[in-house]
Protein backbone atom coordinates (compact mmCIF):
# COMPACT_ATOMS: atom_id res chain seq x y z
CA MET A 1 82.65 -113.60 -5.25
CA ARG A 2 85.08 -113.16 -2.21
CA ARG A 3 84.66 -109.39 -2.47
CA ALA A 4 80.67 -109.74 -2.52
CA ILE A 5 80.87 -111.87 0.62
CA ALA A 6 83.31 -109.73 2.31
CA ALA A 7 81.37 -106.37 1.55
CA SER A 8 77.97 -108.45 2.84
CA LEU A 9 79.78 -109.19 6.01
CA LEU A 10 81.14 -105.60 6.45
CA ALA A 11 77.66 -104.05 6.03
CA LEU A 12 76.03 -106.45 8.48
CA THR A 13 78.99 -105.79 11.04
CA ALA A 14 78.31 -102.02 10.55
CA THR A 15 74.61 -102.26 10.99
CA ALA A 16 74.94 -104.36 14.16
CA CYS A 17 77.27 -101.62 15.68
CA ALA A 18 74.69 -99.06 14.88
CA GLY A 19 72.11 -100.28 16.88
CA GLY A 20 70.03 -101.74 14.13
CA PRO A 21 66.41 -101.90 14.17
CA GLY A 22 64.35 -102.35 17.49
CA LEU A 23 67.23 -101.26 19.64
CA GLY A 24 66.42 -98.00 21.42
CA PRO A 25 68.08 -96.15 24.25
CA PRO A 26 69.20 -98.18 27.26
CA PRO A 27 66.38 -99.04 29.73
CA ALA A 28 66.29 -96.59 32.73
CA ALA A 29 67.48 -97.91 36.09
CA MET A 30 65.16 -100.61 37.67
CA PRO A 31 63.35 -99.23 40.82
CA ARG A 32 64.51 -100.87 44.04
CA PRO A 33 61.68 -103.04 45.49
CA ALA A 34 60.22 -101.84 48.83
CA VAL A 35 61.67 -103.51 51.93
CA ALA A 36 59.44 -106.41 52.84
CA THR A 37 57.26 -106.16 55.77
CA MET A 38 56.13 -109.07 57.80
CA PRO A 39 52.82 -110.18 56.46
CA ALA A 40 49.75 -110.43 58.92
CA LEU A 41 49.92 -113.80 60.87
CA PRO A 42 47.00 -115.77 61.72
CA GLN A 43 46.18 -115.94 65.54
CA ALA A 44 45.97 -119.13 67.44
CA SER A 45 42.51 -120.54 67.31
CA GLU A 46 42.91 -120.41 71.36
CA PRO A 47 44.64 -117.93 73.58
CA LEU A 48 48.00 -119.35 74.71
CA ASP A 49 48.49 -117.63 77.99
CA GLY A 50 52.34 -116.94 78.35
CA VAL A 51 53.17 -118.10 74.80
CA ILE A 52 52.18 -115.29 72.41
CA GLY A 53 54.54 -112.38 72.76
CA ALA A 54 57.06 -114.11 74.85
CA ARG A 55 60.74 -114.34 73.92
CA ALA A 56 62.55 -117.56 73.24
CA ASP A 57 64.50 -117.63 76.72
CA GLU A 58 60.66 -117.20 78.54
CA LEU A 59 59.31 -120.17 76.29
CA LEU A 60 62.40 -122.61 77.04
CA ALA A 61 62.27 -121.56 80.76
CA ALA A 62 58.45 -122.43 81.02
CA LEU A 63 58.20 -125.30 78.64
CA GLY A 64 61.82 -126.97 78.54
CA GLN A 65 64.19 -128.03 75.87
CA PRO A 66 62.60 -127.89 72.20
CA ARG A 67 62.46 -130.86 69.98
CA ILE A 68 63.21 -128.49 66.96
CA ASP A 69 64.82 -125.38 67.12
CA LEU A 70 65.28 -123.94 63.63
CA VAL A 71 66.31 -120.25 62.70
CA GLU A 72 65.80 -118.94 59.04
CA GLY A 73 66.63 -115.43 58.52
CA ASP A 74 64.74 -113.46 61.20
CA VAL A 75 62.13 -116.07 61.73
CA ARG A 76 62.45 -118.93 64.42
CA LYS A 77 60.43 -121.99 64.96
CA LEU A 78 60.48 -123.82 68.15
CA GLN A 79 58.57 -127.13 68.40
CA PHE A 80 57.82 -128.56 71.98
CA ALA A 81 56.56 -132.21 72.42
CA ALA A 82 54.62 -133.90 75.30
CA PRO A 83 53.50 -137.37 74.87
CA GLN A 84 50.17 -136.53 73.52
CA CYS A 85 50.82 -133.59 71.59
CA VAL A 86 53.08 -131.02 69.65
CA LEU A 87 53.17 -127.19 69.87
CA ASP A 88 54.81 -125.27 67.13
CA VAL A 89 55.83 -121.61 68.12
CA TYR A 90 56.83 -118.90 65.58
CA LEU A 91 58.90 -116.15 66.68
CA TYR A 92 59.07 -113.19 64.57
CA PRO A 93 60.70 -109.54 65.12
CA SER A 94 58.41 -107.00 65.62
CA SER A 95 60.59 -104.41 63.96
CA ALA A 96 64.18 -104.22 62.64
CA GLY A 97 66.73 -105.26 65.05
CA ALA A 98 64.08 -106.34 67.72
CA ALA A 99 64.33 -109.51 69.45
CA PRO A 100 61.92 -112.02 67.99
CA VAL A 101 58.90 -112.75 70.11
CA ALA A 102 56.13 -115.61 69.69
CA ALA A 103 53.67 -114.33 67.06
CA TYR A 104 51.87 -117.67 66.23
CA ALA A 105 51.15 -121.07 67.93
CA GLU A 106 49.60 -124.05 66.91
CA ALA A 107 49.24 -127.48 68.73
CA ARG A 108 48.24 -130.80 67.15
CA ALA A 109 47.89 -134.51 68.39
CA ARG A 110 51.28 -136.18 68.15
CA ALA A 111 50.17 -139.50 67.01
CA ASP A 112 48.32 -138.40 63.89
CA GLY A 113 48.65 -134.45 63.77
CA GLY A 114 44.84 -134.11 64.43
CA ALA A 115 43.20 -131.57 66.57
CA VAL A 116 44.13 -130.80 70.00
CA ALA A 117 42.93 -127.95 72.33
CA SER A 118 45.95 -125.58 72.37
CA GLU A 119 45.62 -125.07 76.21
CA ASP A 120 45.55 -128.66 76.92
CA CYS A 121 49.02 -129.22 75.05
CA LEU A 122 50.29 -126.29 76.68
CA ALA A 123 49.29 -127.72 80.26
CA ALA A 124 50.82 -131.18 79.16
CA LEU A 125 54.16 -129.47 78.11
CA ARG A 126 54.44 -127.53 81.12
CA SER A 127 54.03 -130.65 83.41
CA ALA A 128 56.30 -132.44 81.39
CA GLY A 129 58.86 -129.78 81.49
CA GLN A 130 59.11 -129.73 85.23
């Protein structure tokens, strides 16, 4: 009986080493994914004079110290706060190795997050920063 079990195990082992059914040739090399490109960003609902297209140092000079300065990979978020509103500005590099510039900005009321005119918030931030 031991010989029968040993012979069965030997046969199974030989089948497994031979590739067995369902195992084909090794898969071809996986194609490399394309380099991710920056998705199209929504534009601010209102033009923000001096914000969109500005570098971080220009925003800091115009609006003062941000409440939040967050960097994640190539993206930088600056959040500026005035007593009545908050302005979030997102900076992205336009190409690999380029300095990030403001590509999107959004203003909201500080108290409840409701709608606020972007230009009014920007004016409040400029006067608070001086």
